[in-house]
């Protein structure tokens, strides 16, 4: 599916991987989104394999307290996925406003 959408896999450094993951988790917190239940269940692996990765200069701060907060607070991502599959996607614009895009992406139209 990702390849059809034009998103090719690429190799990145451990520092970049940690930065991307922690940045995404901080975005979830800002958007009031809870962690997916599979990630909550894999907490010990997150602690063992993600947090010890080396930091890059732009790696955001993230602690186990942050993880535990995100495991208990916010909208469940499973509800977001259900909404996206049955209604449409909520997209946040640069000005912070949210727009509802009805339907699913049409991967067939992508180059």
PDB file of N, CA and C in Angstrom:
ATOM      1  N   UNK A   1       0.827  -1.191   0.000  1.00  0.00           N
ATOM      2  CA  UNK A   1       0.000   0.000   0.000  1.00  0.00           C
ATOM      3  C   UNK A   1       0.872   1.255   0.000  1.00  0.00           C
ATOM      4  N   UNK A   2       1.914   1.279   0.840  1.00  0.00           N
ATOM      5  CA  UNK A   2       2.748   2.485   0.923  1.00  0.00           C
ATOM      6  C   UNK A   2       3.483   2.722  -0.388  1.00  0.00           C
ATOM      7  N   UNK A   3       3.953   1.656  -1.013  1.00  0.00           N
ATOM      8  CA  UNK A   3       4.665   1.790  -2.271  1.00  0.00           C
ATOM      9  C   UNK A   3       3.748   2.364  -3.347  1.00  0.00           C
ATOM     10  N   UNK A   4       2.493   1.898  -3.378  1.00  0.00           N
ATOM     11  CA  UNK A   4       1.525   2.442  -4.345  1.00  0.00           C
ATOM     12  C   UNK A   4       1.288   3.921  -4.103  1.00  0.00           C
ATOM     13  N   UNK A   5       1.403   4.356  -2.850  1.00  0.00           N
ATOM     14  CA  UNK A   5       1.205   5.764  -2.510  1.00  0.00           C
ATOM     15  C   UNK A   5       2.458   6.603  -2.701  1.00  0.00           C
ATOM     16  N   UNK A   6       3.526   5.992  -3.206  1.00  0.00           N
ATOM     17  CA  UNK A   6       4.751   6.734  -3.484  1.00  0.00           C
ATOM     18  C   UNK A   6       5.669   6.904  -2.285  1.00  0.00           C
ATOM     19  N   UNK A   7       5.451   6.128  -1.237  1.00  0.00           N
ATOM     20  CA  UNK A   7       6.290   6.248  -0.044  1.00  0.00           C
ATOM     21  C   UNK A   7       7.263   5.080  -0.003  1.00  0.00           C
ATOM     22  N   UNK A   8       8.481   5.320  -0.410  1.00  0.00           N
ATOM     23  CA  UNK A   8       9.505   4.278  -0.464  1.00  0.00           C
ATOM     24  C   UNK A   8      10.200   4.177   0.896  1.00  0.00           C
ATOM     25  N   UNK A   9      10.570   2.956   1.265  1.00  0.00           N
ATOM     26  CA  UNK A   9      11.331   2.750   2.492  1.00  0.00           C
ATOM     27  C   UNK A   9      12.756   3.231   2.284  1.00  0.00           C
ATOM     28  N   UNK A  10      13.339   3.768   3.339  1.00  0.00           N
ATOM     29  CA  UNK A  10      14.733   4.186   3.279  1.00  0.00           C
ATOM     30  C   UNK A  10      15.408   3.863   4.603  1.00  0.00           C
ATOM     31  N   UNK A  11      16.701   3.643   4.573  1.00  0.00           N
ATOM     32  CA  UNK A  11      17.472   3.364   5.772  1.00  0.00           C
ATOM     33  C   UNK A  11      17.826   4.683   6.438  1.00  0.00           C
ATOM     34  N   UNK A  12      17.615   4.741   7.763  1.00  0.00           N
ATOM     35  CA  UNK A  12      17.964   5.938   8.522  1.00  0.00           C
ATOM     36  C   UNK A  12      18.813   5.531   9.728  1.00  0.00           C
ATOM     37  N   UNK A  13      19.476   6.494  10.327  1.00  0.00           N
ATOM     38  CA  UNK A  13      20.325   6.226  11.491  1.00  0.00           C
ATOM     39  C   UNK A  13      19.473   5.979  12.737  1.00  0.00           C
ATOM     40  N   UNK A  14      20.089   5.400  13.750  1.00  0.00           N
ATOM     41  CA  UNK A  14      19.407   5.179  15.027  1.00  0.00           C
ATOM     42  C   UNK A  14      18.976   6.514  15.629  1.00  0.00           C
ATOM     43  N   UNK A  15      19.820   7.542  15.507  1.00  0.00           N
ATOM     44  CA  UNK A  15      19.484   8.860  16.038  1.00  0.00           C
ATOM     45  C   UNK A  15      18.248   9.416  15.353  1.00  0.00           C
ATOM     46  N   UNK A  16      18.182   9.274  14.033  1.00  0.00           N
ATOM     47  CA  UNK A  16      17.037   9.781  13.272  1.00  0.00           C
ATOM     48  C   UNK A  16      15.771   9.004  13.623  1.00  0.00           C
ATOM     49  N   UNK A  17      15.902   7.683  13.764  1.00  0.00           N
ATOM     50  CA  UNK A  17      14.743   6.851  14.117  1.00  0.00           C
ATOM     51  C   UNK A  17      14.169   7.292  15.457  1.00  0.00           C
ATOM     52  N   UNK A  18      15.030   7.490  16.443  1.00  0.00           N
ATOM     53  CA  UNK A  18      14.554   7.909  17.764  1.00  0.00           C
ATOM     54  C   UNK A  18      13.891   9.275  17.676  1.00  0.00           C
ATOM     55  N   UNK A  19      14.488  10.180  16.933  1.00  0.00           N
ATOM     56  CA  UNK A  19      13.927  11.524  16.794  1.00  0.00           C
ATOM     57  C   UNK A  19      12.555  11.483  16.140  1.00  0.00           C
ATOM     58  N   UNK A  20      12.412  10.691  15.091  1.00  0.00           N
ATOM     59  CA  UNK A  20      11.122  10.582  14.392  1.00  0.00           C
ATOM     60  C   UNK A  20      10.062   9.999  15.316  1.00  0.00           C
ATOM     61  N   UNK A  21      10.401   8.926  16.024  1.00  0.00           N
ATOM     62  CA  UNK A  21       9.433   8.279  16.908  1.00  0.00           C
ATOM     63  C   UNK A  21       9.018   9.220  18.035  1.00  0.00           C
ATOM     64  N   UNK A  22       9.969   9.841  18.707  1.00  0.00           N
ATOM     65  CA  UNK A  22       9.634  10.709  19.839  1.00  0.00           C
ATOM     66  C   UNK A  22       8.919  11.976  19.384  1.00  0.00           C
ATOM     67  N   UNK A  23       9.254  12.487  18.216  1.00  0.00           N
ATOM     68  CA  UNK A  23       8.541  13.643  17.675  1.00  0.00           C
ATOM     69  C   UNK A  23       7.083  13.282  17.413  1.00  0.00           C
ATOM     70  N   UNK A  24       6.857  12.094  16.835  1.00  0.00           N
ATOM     71  CA  UNK A  24       5.487  11.643  16.574  1.00  0.00           C
ATOM     72  C   UNK A  24       4.708  11.483  17.878  1.00  0.00           C
ATOM     73  N   UNK A  25       5.339  10.923  18.901  1.00  0.00           N
ATOM     74  CA  UNK A  25       4.656  10.752  20.183  1.00  0.00           C
ATOM     75  C   UNK A  25       4.324  12.099  20.814  1.00  0.00           C
ATOM     76  N   UNK A  26       5.214  13.065  20.672  1.00  0.00           N
ATOM     77  CA  UNK A  26       4.920  14.407  21.189  1.00  0.00           C
ATOM     78  C   UNK A  26       3.799  15.064  20.383  1.00  0.00           C
ATOM     79  N   UNK A  27       3.717  14.775  19.092  1.00  0.00           N
ATOM     80  CA  UNK A  27       2.599  15.269  18.279  1.00  0.00           C
ATOM     81  C   UNK A  27       1.289  14.641  18.746  1.00  0.00           C
ATOM     82  N   UNK A  28       1.327  13.356  19.076  1.00  0.00           N
ATOM     83  CA  UNK A  28       0.133  12.702  19.613  1.00  0.00           C
ATOM     84  C   UNK A  28      -0.327  13.410  20.882  1.00  0.00           C
ATOM     85  N   UNK A  29       0.621  13.735  21.734  1.00  0.00           N
ATOM     86  CA  UNK A  29       0.253  14.416  22.985  1.00  0.00           C
ATOM     87  C   UNK A  29      -0.380  15.768  22.679  1.00  0.00           C
ATOM     88  N   UNK A  30       0.213  16.519  21.763  1.00  0.00           N
ATOM     89  CA  UNK A  30      -0.324  17.833  21.400  1.00  0.00           C
ATOM     90  C   UNK A  30      -1.719  17.726  20.782  1.00  0.00           C
ATOM     91  N   UNK A  31      -1.980  16.619  20.071  1.00  0.00           N
ATOM     92  CA  UNK A  31      -3.279  16.415  19.430  1.00  0.00           C
ATOM     93  C   UNK A  31      -4.255  15.659  20.337  1.00  0.00           C
ATOM     94  N   UNK A  32      -3.845  15.382  21.561  1.00  0.00           N
ATOM     95  CA  UNK A  32      -4.674  14.666  22.538  1.00  0.00           C
ATOM     96  C   UNK A  32      -5.062  13.273  22.031  1.00  0.00           C
ATOM     97  N   UNK A  33      -4.058  12.552  21.496  1.00  0.00           N
ATOM     98  CA  UNK A  33      -4.255  11.185  21.026  1.00  0.00           C
ATOM     99  C   UNK A  33      -3.521  10.220  21.941  1.00  0.00           C
ATOM    100  N   UNK A  34      -4.220   9.230  22.399  1.00  0.00           N
ATOM    101  CA  UNK A  34      -3.643   8.192  23.253  1.00  0.00           C
ATOM    102  C   UNK A  34      -2.748   7.289  22.411  1.00  0.00           C
ATOM    103  N   UNK A  35      -1.857   6.562  23.057  1.00  0.00           N
ATOM    104  CA  UNK A  35      -1.036   5.574  22.361  1.00  0.00           C
ATOM    105  C   UNK A  35      -1.916   4.422  21.885  1.00  0.00           C
ATOM    106  N   UNK A  36      -1.551   3.798  20.761  1.00  0.00           N
ATOM    107  CA  UNK A  36      -2.279   2.603  20.329  1.00  0.00           C
ATOM    108  C   UNK A  36      -2.103   1.491  21.365  1.00  0.00           C
ATOM    109  N   UNK A  37      -3.112   0.673  21.521  1.00  0.00           N
ATOM    110  CA  UNK A  37      -3.050  -0.376  22.557  1.00  0.00           C
ATOM    111  C   UNK A  37      -1.904  -1.342  22.317  1.00  0.00           C
ATOM    112  N   UNK A  38      -1.511  -1.571  21.058  1.00  0.00           N
ATOM    113  CA  UNK A  38      -0.383  -2.469  20.792  1.00  0.00           C
ATOM    114  C   UNK A  38       0.925  -1.878  21.318  1.00  0.00           C
ATOM    115  N   UNK A  39       1.094  -0.572  21.198  1.00  0.00           N
ATOM    116  CA  UNK A  39       2.301   0.063  21.732  1.00  0.00           C
ATOM    117  C   UNK A  39       2.274   0.063  23.260  1.00  0.00           C
ATOM    118  N   UNK A  40       1.114   0.296  23.835  1.00  0.00           N
ATOM    119  CA  UNK A  40       0.998   0.239  25.297  1.00  0.00           C
ATOM    120  C   UNK A  40       1.401  -1.156  25.780  1.00  0.00           C
ATOM    121  N   UNK A  41       0.932  -2.183  25.097  1.00  0.00           N
ATOM    122  CA  UNK A  41       1.253  -3.558  25.473  1.00  0.00           C
ATOM    123  C   UNK A  41       2.741  -3.869  25.276  1.00  0.00           C
ATOM    124  N   UNK A  42       3.386  -3.160  24.361  1.00  0.00           N
ATOM    125  CA  UNK A  42       4.805  -3.379  24.072  1.00  0.00           C
ATOM    126  C   UNK A  42       5.700  -2.386  24.810  1.00  0.00           C
ATOM    127  N   UNK A  43       5.222  -1.824  25.902  1.00  0.00           N
ATOM    128  CA  UNK A  43       5.971  -0.813  26.654  1.00  0.00           C
ATOM    129  C   UNK A  43       7.399  -1.264  26.964  1.00  0.00           C
ATOM    130  N   UNK A  44       7.553  -2.512  27.412  1.00  0.00           N
ATOM    131  CA  UNK A  44       8.892  -2.990  27.789  1.00  0.00           C
ATOM    132  C   UNK A  44       9.841  -2.982  26.585  1.00  0.00           C
ATOM    133  N   UNK A  45       9.319  -3.236  25.386  1.00  0.00           N
ATOM    134  CA  UNK A  45      10.167  -3.200  24.191  1.00  0.00           C
ATOM    135  C   UNK A  45      10.525  -1.763  23.814  1.00  0.00           C
ATOM    136  N   UNK A  46       9.580  -0.844  24.009  1.00  0.00           N
ATOM    137  CA  UNK A  46       9.845   0.575  23.775  1.00  0.00           C
ATOM    138  C   UNK A  46      10.969   1.038  24.698  1.00  0.00           C
ATOM    139  N   UNK A  47      10.865   0.648  25.970  1.00  0.00           N
ATOM    140  CA  UNK A  47      11.879   1.020  26.967  1.00  0.00           C
ATOM    141  C   UNK A  47      13.224   0.394  26.611  1.00  0.00           C
ATOM    142  N   UNK A  48      13.198  -0.829  26.148  1.00  0.00           N
ATOM    143  CA  UNK A  48      14.445  -1.551  25.871  1.00  0.00           C
ATOM    144  C   UNK A  48      15.103  -1.151  24.554  1.00  0.00           C
ATOM    145  N   UNK A  49      14.278  -0.876  23.529  1.00  0.00           N
ATOM    146  CA  UNK A  49      14.854  -0.701  22.201  1.00  0.00           C
ATOM    147  C   UNK A  49      14.778   0.715  21.628  1.00  0.00           C
ATOM    148  N   UNK A  50      13.874   1.554  22.105  1.00  0.00           N
ATOM    149  CA  UNK A  50      13.748   2.909  21.552  1.00  0.00           C
ATOM    150  C   UNK A  50      14.437   3.943  22.445  1.00  0.00           C
ATOM    151  N   UNK A  51      14.078   3.968  23.704  1.00  0.00           N
ATOM    152  CA  UNK A  51      14.644   5.009  24.586  1.00  0.00           C
ATOM    153  C   UNK A  51      16.168   4.985  24.675  1.00  0.00           C
ATOM    154  N   UNK A  52      16.824   3.814  24.640  1.00  0.00           N
ATOM    155  CA  UNK A  52      18.290   3.819  24.720  1.00  0.00           C
ATOM    156  C   UNK A  52      19.001   4.255  23.433  1.00  0.00           C
ATOM    157  N   UNK A  53      18.274   4.389  22.334  1.00  0.00           N
ATOM    158  CA  UNK A  53      18.928   4.830  21.101  1.00  0.00           C
ATOM    159  C   UNK A  53      19.603   6.176  21.334  1.00  0.00           C
ATOM    160  N   UNK A  54      20.682   6.448  20.613  1.00  0.00           N
ATOM    161  CA  UNK A  54      21.372   7.725  20.810  1.00  0.00           C
ATOM    162  C   UNK A  54      20.514   8.907  20.368  1.00  0.00           C
ATOM    163  N   UNK A  55      20.704  10.019  21.043  1.00  0.00           N
ATOM    164  CA  UNK A  55      19.989  11.248  20.706  1.00  0.00           C
ATOM    165  C   UNK A  55      20.708  11.999  19.593  1.00  0.00           C
ATOM    166  N   UNK A  56      19.928  12.641  18.757  1.00  0.00           N
ATOM    167  CA  UNK A  56      20.445  13.614  17.794  1.00  0.00           C
ATOM    168  C   UNK A  56      20.277  14.990  18.434  1.00  0.00           C
ATOM    169  N   UNK A  57      20.874  16.023  17.877  1.00  0.00           N
ATOM    170  CA  UNK A  57      20.708  17.361  18.462  1.00  0.00           C
ATOM    171  C   UNK A  57      19.252  17.811  18.541  1.00  0.00           C
ATOM    172  N   UNK A  58      18.396  17.305  17.627  1.00  0.00           N
ATOM    173  CA  UNK A  58      16.992  17.727  17.614  1.00  0.00           C
ATOM    174  C   UNK A  58      16.038  16.690  18.204  1.00  0.00           C
ATOM    175  N   UNK A  59      16.570  15.694  18.908  1.00  0.00           N
ATOM    176  CA  UNK A  59      15.705  14.686  19.528  1.00  0.00           C
ATOM    177  C   UNK A  59      14.948  15.330  20.684  1.00  0.00           C
ATOM    178  N   UNK A  60      13.612  15.254  20.670  1.00  0.00           N
ATOM    179  CA  UNK A  60      12.850  15.869  21.756  1.00  0.00           C
ATOM    180  C   UNK A  60      12.960  15.045  23.042  1.00  0.00           C
ATOM    181  N   UNK A  61      12.743  15.713  24.148  1.00  0.00           N
ATOM    182  CA  UNK A  61      12.722  15.020  25.435  1.00  0.00           C
ATOM    183  C   UNK A  61      11.489  14.129  25.498  1.00  0.00           C
ATOM    184  N   UNK A  62      11.654  12.959  26.088  1.00  0.00           N
ATOM    185  CA  UNK A  62      10.535  12.045  26.270  1.00  0.00           C
ATOM    186  C   UNK A  62      10.918  11.064  27.361  1.00  0.00           C
ATOM    187  N   UNK A  63      10.050  10.926  28.364  1.00  0.00           N
ATOM    188  CA  UNK A  63      10.336  10.075  29.510  1.00  0.00           C
ATOM    189  C   UNK A  63       9.304   8.952  29.623  1.00  0.00           C
ATOM    190  N   UNK A  64       9.552   8.043  30.530  1.00  0.00           N
ATOM    191  CA  UNK A  64       8.560   6.994  30.797  1.00  0.00           C
ATOM    192  C   UNK A  64       7.286   7.591  31.361  1.00  0.00           C
ATOM    193  N   UNK A  65       7.405   8.686  32.110  1.00  0.00           N
ATOM    194  CA  UNK A  65       6.198   9.375  32.591  1.00  0.00           C
ATOM    195  C   UNK A  65       5.373   9.882  31.410  1.00  0.00           C
ATOM    196  N   UNK A  66       6.043  10.384  30.361  1.00  0.00           N
ATOM    197  CA  UNK A  66       5.335  10.823  29.155  1.00  0.00           C
ATOM    198  C   UNK A  66       4.622   9.640  28.495  1.00  0.00           C
ATOM    199  N   UNK A  67       5.316   8.510  28.401  1.00  0.00           N
ATOM    200  CA  UNK A  67       4.719   7.311  27.816  1.00  0.00           C
ATOM    201  C   UNK A  67       3.474   6.910  28.601  1.00  0.00           C
ATOM    202  N   UNK A  68       3.622   6.852  29.925  1.00  0.00           N
ATOM    203  CA  UNK A  68       2.510   6.425  30.774  1.00  0.00           C
ATOM    204  C   UNK A  68       1.336   7.397  30.692  1.00  0.00           C
ATOM    205  N   UNK A  69       1.622   8.687  30.578  1.00  0.00           N
ATOM    206  CA  UNK A  69       0.547   9.668  30.406  1.00  0.00           C
ATOM    207  C   UNK A  69      -0.210   9.402  29.105  1.00  0.00           C
ATOM    208  N   UNK A  70       0.550   9.211  28.019  1.00  0.00           N
ATOM    209  CA  UNK A  70      -0.075   8.971  26.716  1.00  0.00           C
ATOM    210  C   UNK A  70      -0.810   7.633  26.670  1.00  0.00           C
ATOM    211  N   UNK A  71      -0.437   6.712  27.527  1.00  0.00           N
ATOM    212  CA  UNK A  71      -1.125   5.423  27.576  1.00  0.00           C
ATOM    213  C   UNK A  71      -2.505   5.548  28.225  1.00  0.00           C
ATOM    214  N   UNK A  72      -2.724   6.620  28.986  1.00  0.00           N
ATOM    215  CA  UNK A  72      -3.974   6.768  29.741  1.00  0.00           C
ATOM    216  C   UNK A  72      -4.850   7.935  29.303  1.00  0.00           C
ATOM    217  N   UNK A  73      -4.310   8.866  28.533  1.00  0.00           N
ATOM    218  CA  UNK A  73      -5.046  10.097  28.221  1.00  0.00           C
ATOM    219  C   UNK A  73      -5.193  10.310  26.728  1.00  0.00           C
ATOM    220  N   UNK A  74      -6.307  10.906  26.353  1.00  0.00           N
ATOM    221  CA  UNK A  74      -6.532  11.284  24.968  1.00  0.00           C
ATOM    222  C   UNK A  74      -7.490  10.343  24.255  1.00  0.00           C
ATOM    223  N   UNK A  75      -7.796  10.718  23.030  1.00  0.00           N
ATOM    224  CA  UNK A  75      -8.697   9.924  22.196  1.00  0.00           C
ATOM    225  C   UNK A  75      -7.987   8.647  21.760  1.00  0.00           C
ATOM    226  N   UNK A  76      -8.692   7.541  21.824  1.00  0.00           N
ATOM    227  CA  UNK A  76      -8.104   6.266  21.425  1.00  0.00           C
ATOM    228  C   UNK A  76      -7.864   6.245  19.915  1.00  0.00           C
ATOM    229  N   UNK A  77      -6.681   5.861  19.471  1.00  0.00           N
ATOM    230  CA  UNK A  77      -6.399   5.855  18.028  1.00  0.00           C
ATOM    231  C   UNK A  77      -7.279   4.875  17.261  1.00  0.00           C
ATOM    232  N   UNK A  78      -7.742   3.823  17.930  1.00  0.00           N
ATOM    233  CA  UNK A  78      -8.632   2.877  17.269  1.00  0.00           C
ATOM    234  C   UNK A  78      -9.937   3.565  16.867  1.00  0.00           C
ATOM    235  N   UNK A  79     -10.387   4.530  17.673  1.00  0.00           N
ATOM    236  CA  UNK A  79     -11.586   5.291  17.330  1.00  0.00           C
ATOM    237  C   UNK A  79     -11.318   6.209  16.143  1.00  0.00           C
ATOM    238  N   UNK A  80     -10.113   6.773  16.090  1.00  0.00           N
ATOM    239  CA  UNK A  80      -9.738   7.637  14.966  1.00  0.00           C
ATOM    240  C   UNK A  80      -9.714   6.817  13.675  1.00  0.00           C
ATOM    241  N   UNK A  81      -9.116   5.634  13.725  1.00  0.00           N
ATOM    242  CA  UNK A  81      -9.049   4.769  12.545  1.00  0.00           C
ATOM    243  C   UNK A  81     -10.453   4.389  12.087  1.00  0.00           C
ATOM    244  N   UNK A  82     -11.320   4.030  13.017  1.00  0.00           N
ATOM    245  CA  UNK A  82     -12.700   3.689  12.666  1.00  0.00           C
ATOM    246  C   UNK A  82     -13.382   4.870  11.977  1.00  0.00           C
ATOM    247  N   UNK A  83     -13.202   6.070  12.501  1.00  0.00           N
ATOM    248  CA  UNK A  83     -13.785   7.271  11.899  1.00  0.00           C
ATOM    249  C   UNK A  83     -13.243   7.474  10.487  1.00  0.00           C
ATOM    250  N   UNK A  84     -11.923   7.309  10.328  1.00  0.00           N
ATOM    251  CA  UNK A  84     -11.314   7.513   9.011  1.00  0.00           C
ATOM    252  C   UNK A  84     -11.798   6.479   8.000  1.00  0.00           C
ATOM    253  N   UNK A  85     -12.059   5.263   8.463  1.00  0.00           N
ATOM    254  CA  UNK A  85     -12.507   4.214   7.548  1.00  0.00           C
ATOM    255  C   UNK A  85     -13.984   4.325   7.195  1.00  0.00           C
ATOM    256  N   UNK A  86     -14.768   4.956   8.060  1.00  0.00           N
ATOM    257  CA  UNK A  86     -16.206   5.022   7.818  1.00  0.00           C
ATOM    258  C   UNK A  86     -16.710   6.403   7.414  1.00  0.00           C
ATOM    259  N   UNK A  87     -15.986   7.446   7.758  1.00  0.00           N
ATOM    260  CA  UNK A  87     -16.464   8.802   7.483  1.00  0.00           C
ATOM    261  C   UNK A  87     -15.474   9.584   6.628  1.00  0.00           C
ATOM    262  N   UNK A  88     -14.298   9.850   7.156  1.00  0.00           N
ATOM    263  CA  UNK A  88     -13.293  10.637   6.444  1.00  0.00           C
ATOM    264  C   UNK A  88     -12.151  10.988   7.376  1.00  0.00           C
ATOM    265  N   UNK A  89     -11.184  11.700   6.853  1.00  0.00           N
ATOM    266  CA  UNK A  89      -9.999  12.058   7.636  1.00  0.00           C
ATOM    267  C   UNK A  89     -10.109  13.486   8.134  1.00  0.00           C
ATOM    268  N   UNK A  90      -9.630  13.685   9.367  1.00  0.00           N
ATOM    269  CA  UNK A  90      -9.515  15.033   9.908  1.00  0.00           C
ATOM    270  C   UNK A  90      -8.082  15.486   9.658  1.00  0.00           C
ATOM    271  N   UNK A  91      -7.929  16.575   8.936  1.00  0.00           N
ATOM    272  CA  UNK A  91      -6.607  17.080   8.582  1.00  0.00           C
ATOM    273  C   UNK A  91      -6.424  18.441   9.233  1.00  0.00           C
ATOM    274  N   UNK A  92      -5.297  18.611   9.925  1.00  0.00           N
ATOM    275  CA  UNK A  92      -5.006  19.892  10.560  1.00  0.00           C
ATOM    276  C   UNK A  92      -4.208  20.759   9.584  1.00  0.00           C
ATOM    277  N   UNK A  93      -4.700  21.958   9.346  1.00  0.00           N
ATOM    278  CA  UNK A  93      -4.051  22.893   8.436  1.00  0.00           C
ATOM    279  C   UNK A  93      -2.928  23.627   9.178  1.00  0.00           C
ATOM    280  N   UNK A  94      -2.106  24.346   8.448  1.00  0.00           N
ATOM    281  CA  UNK A  94      -0.982  25.067   9.059  1.00  0.00           C
ATOM    282  C   UNK A  94      -1.439  26.074  10.100  1.00  0.00           C
ATOM    283  N   UNK A  95      -2.633  26.643   9.922  1.00  0.00           N
ATOM    284  CA  UNK A  95      -3.130  27.634  10.882  1.00  0.00           C
ATOM    285  C   UNK A  95      -3.765  26.992  12.113  1.00  0.00           C
ATOM    286  N   UNK A  96      -3.743  25.634  12.173  1.00  0.00           N
ATOM    287  CA  UNK A  96      -4.283  24.932  13.326  1.00  0.00           C
ATOM    288  C   UNK A  96      -5.722  24.490  13.180  1.00  0.00           C
ATOM    289  N   UNK A  97      -6.421  24.989  12.161  1.00  0.00           N
ATOM    290  CA  UNK A  97      -7.818  24.589  11.952  1.00  0.00           C
ATOM    291  C   UNK A  97      -7.869  23.164  11.419  1.00  0.00           C
ATOM    292  N   UNK A  98      -8.935  22.470  11.777  1.00  0.00           N
ATOM    293  CA  UNK A  98      -9.122  21.102  11.333  1.00  0.00           C
ATOM    294  C   UNK A  98     -10.142  21.064  10.204  1.00  0.00           C
ATOM    295  N   UNK A  99      -9.843  20.287   9.158  1.00  0.00           N
ATOM    296  CA  UNK A  99     -10.714  20.145   8.008  1.00  0.00           C
ATOM    297  C   UNK A  99     -11.081  18.670   7.868  1.00  0.00           C
ATOM    298  N   UNK A 100     -12.337  18.390   7.570  1.00  0.00           N
ATOM    299  CA  UNK A 100     -12.781  17.025   7.343  1.00  0.00           C
ATOM    300  C   UNK A 100     -12.703  16.730   5.853  1.00  0.00           C
ATOM    301  N   UNK A 101     -11.945  15.695   5.494  1.00  0.00           N
ATOM    302  CA  UNK A 101     -11.822  15.250   4.111  1.00  0.00           C
ATOM    303  C   UNK A 101     -12.595  13.943   4.004  1.00  0.00           C
ATOM    304  N   UNK A 102     -13.665  13.956   3.229  1.00  0.00           N
ATOM    305  CA  UNK A 102     -14.538  12.789   3.125  1.00  0.00           C
ATOM    306  C   UNK A 102     -13.932  11.733   2.200  1.00  0.00           C
ATOM    307  N   UNK A 103     -14.190  10.470   2.508  1.00  0.00           N
ATOM    308  CA  UNK A 103     -13.738   9.373   1.672  1.00  0.00           C
ATOM    309  C   UNK A 103     -12.322   8.953   1.989  1.00  0.00           C
ATOM    310  N   UNK A 104     -11.822   8.006   1.202  1.00  0.00           N
ATOM    311  CA  UNK A 104     -10.483   7.500   1.418  1.00  0.00           C
ATOM    312  C   UNK A 104      -9.564   7.990   0.315  1.00  0.00           C
ATOM    313  N   UNK A 105      -8.246   7.959   0.566  1.00  0.00           N
ATOM    314  CA  UNK A 105      -7.321   8.401  -0.485  1.00  0.00           C
ATOM    315  C   UNK A 105      -7.459   7.532  -1.726  1.00  0.00           C
ATOM    316  N   UNK A 106      -7.335   8.136  -2.863  1.00  0.00           N
ATOM    317  CA  UNK A 106      -7.404   7.394  -4.123  1.00  0.00           C
ATOM    318  C   UNK A 106      -5.989   7.126  -4.604  1.00  0.00           C
ATOM    319  N   UNK A 107      -5.408   5.998  -4.129  1.00  0.00           N
ATOM    320  CA  UNK A 107      -4.018   5.667  -4.472  1.00  0.00           C
ATOM    321  C   UNK A 107      -3.851   5.451  -5.967  1.00  0.00           C
ATOM    322  N   UNK A 108      -4.913   5.114  -6.653  1.00  0.00           N
ATOM    323  CA  UNK A 108      -4.808   4.841  -8.093  1.00  0.00           C
ATOM    324  C   UNK A 108      -4.411   6.093  -8.871  1.00  0.00           C
ATOM    325  N   UNK A 109      -4.750   7.284  -8.387  1.00  0.00           N
ATOM    326  CA  UNK A 109      -4.439   8.518  -9.095  1.00  0.00           C
ATOM    327  C   UNK A 109      -3.007   8.985  -8.867  1.00  0.00           C
ATOM    328  N   UNK A 110      -2.294   8.364  -7.924  1.00  0.00           N
ATOM    329  CA  UNK A 110      -0.934   8.775  -7.608  1.00  0.00           C
ATOM    330  C   UNK A 110       0.014   8.287  -8.695  1.00  0.00           C
ATOM    331  N   UNK A 111       1.068   9.072  -8.981  1.00  0.00           N
ATOM    332  CA  UNK A 111       2.024   8.638 -10.020  1.00  0.00           C
ATOM    333  C   UNK A 111       2.835   7.438  -9.592  1.00  0.00           C
TER     334      UNK A 111
END
